[in-house]
Amino acid sequence: MFKALGNPVRFEIMKFLVTHPGSITGDIVDYLPIAQSTTSQHLTVLREAGWIEGVVEGPAVNYRLNEKAIRWFRSMVNLNF
């Protein structure tokens, strides 16, 4: 999961989905200066890592953060050393 966030484009996608849940690939392409195919590859990596979920609605996939993964991440980051 951490490796997936190490890429700056994927990190930007995550930031975008925080404020734009339910976005489709085209929304993310409009936000980022990269091709749709590249965006789709980054979304696949984030989905496989567990960071996002894709909900099929008609011909489109709406992406949102995986709240369970976000809670886990927060618990790991907030450890008291």
Protein backbone atom coordinates (compact mmCIF):
# COMPACT_ATOMS: atom_id res chain seq x y z
CA MET A 1 0.00 0.00 0.00
CA PHE A 2 2.78 2.42 0.85
CA LYS A 3 4.56 1.76 -2.44
CA ALA A 4 1.40 2.66 -4.37
CA LEU A 5 1.35 6.09 -2.71
CA GLY A 6 5.02 6.67 -3.46
CA ASN A 7 4.21 7.77 -7.00
CA PRO A 8 3.37 11.50 -7.18
CA VAL A 9 0.62 11.00 -9.77
CA ARG A 10 -1.13 8.37 -7.65
CA PHE A 11 -0.81 10.63 -4.62
CA GLU A 12 -2.50 13.43 -6.62
CA ILE A 13 -5.29 11.03 -7.61
CA MET A 14 -5.84 10.19 -3.96
CA LYS A 15 -5.97 13.88 -3.02
CA PHE A 16 -8.47 14.48 -5.83
CA LEU A 17 -10.72 11.63 -4.67
CA VAL A 18 -10.80 13.04 -1.14
CA THR A 19 -12.69 16.06 -2.43
CA HIS A 20 -14.33 14.43 -5.47
CA PRO A 21 -15.64 10.99 -4.44
CA GLY A 22 -17.50 9.14 -7.14
CA SER A 23 -15.36 10.57 -9.94
CA ILE A 24 -14.98 8.69 -13.19
CA THR A 25 -11.71 8.29 -15.08
CA GLY A 26 -12.55 11.25 -17.34
CA ASP A 27 -12.89 13.55 -14.32
CA ILE A 28 -9.43 12.56 -13.13
CA VAL A 29 -7.99 12.95 -16.66
CA ASP A 30 -9.40 16.49 -16.78
CA TYR A 31 -7.72 17.26 -13.44
CA LEU A 32 -4.29 15.76 -14.21
CA PRO A 33 -2.08 16.50 -17.21
CA ILE A 34 -1.75 12.84 -18.25
CA ALA A 35 -3.37 10.58 -20.83
CA GLN A 36 -6.45 8.51 -20.06
CA SER A 37 -4.54 5.24 -20.51
CA THR A 38 -1.91 6.36 -17.99
CA THR A 39 -4.62 7.46 -15.57
CA SER A 40 -6.30 4.06 -15.90
CA GLN A 41 -3.01 2.32 -15.11
CA HIS A 42 -2.55 4.42 -11.97
CA LEU A 43 -6.15 3.73 -10.90
CA THR A 44 -5.51 0.00 -11.33
CA VAL A 45 -2.45 0.18 -9.07
CA LEU A 46 -4.40 2.09 -6.41
CA ARG A 47 -7.31 -0.34 -6.63
CA GLU A 48 -5.05 -3.40 -6.40
CA ALA A 49 -3.26 -1.87 -3.41
CA GLY A 50 -6.62 -1.42 -1.70
CA TRP A 51 -6.62 2.38 -1.57
CA ILE A 52 -9.65 2.92 -3.80
CA GLU A 53 -12.79 1.13 -4.85
CA GLY A 54 -14.45 1.26 -8.23
CA VAL A 55 -18.23 1.05 -8.39
CA VAL A 56 -19.66 0.23 -11.82
CA GLU A 57 -22.59 2.44 -12.70
CA GLY A 58 -23.73 1.88 -16.26
CA PRO A 59 -20.81 2.26 -18.68
CA ALA A 60 -18.64 4.13 -16.16
CA VAL A 61 -16.72 3.23 -13.03
CA ASN A 62 -17.04 5.68 -10.15
CA TYR A 63 -13.96 5.74 -7.95
CA ARG A 64 -13.85 6.52 -4.25
CA LEU A 65 -11.47 5.99 -1.38
CA ASN A 66 -11.62 2.67 0.44
CA GLU A 67 -12.54 3.89 3.93
CA LYS A 68 -11.36 0.66 5.58
CA ALA A 69 -7.89 1.10 4.05
CA ILE A 70 -7.80 4.75 5.09
CA ARG A 71 -8.65 3.80 8.70
CA TRP A 72 -5.91 1.16 8.67
CA PHE A 73 -3.40 3.65 7.28
CA ARG A 74 -4.31 6.20 9.94
CA SER A 75 -3.88 3.60 12.68
CA MET A 76 -0.40 2.74 11.35
CA VAL A 77 0.67 6.39 11.06
CA ASN A 78 -0.68 7.35 14.48
CA LEU A 79 1.30 4.72 16.38
CA ASN A 80 2.89 6.05 19.56
CA PHE A 81 6.62 5.44 19.55
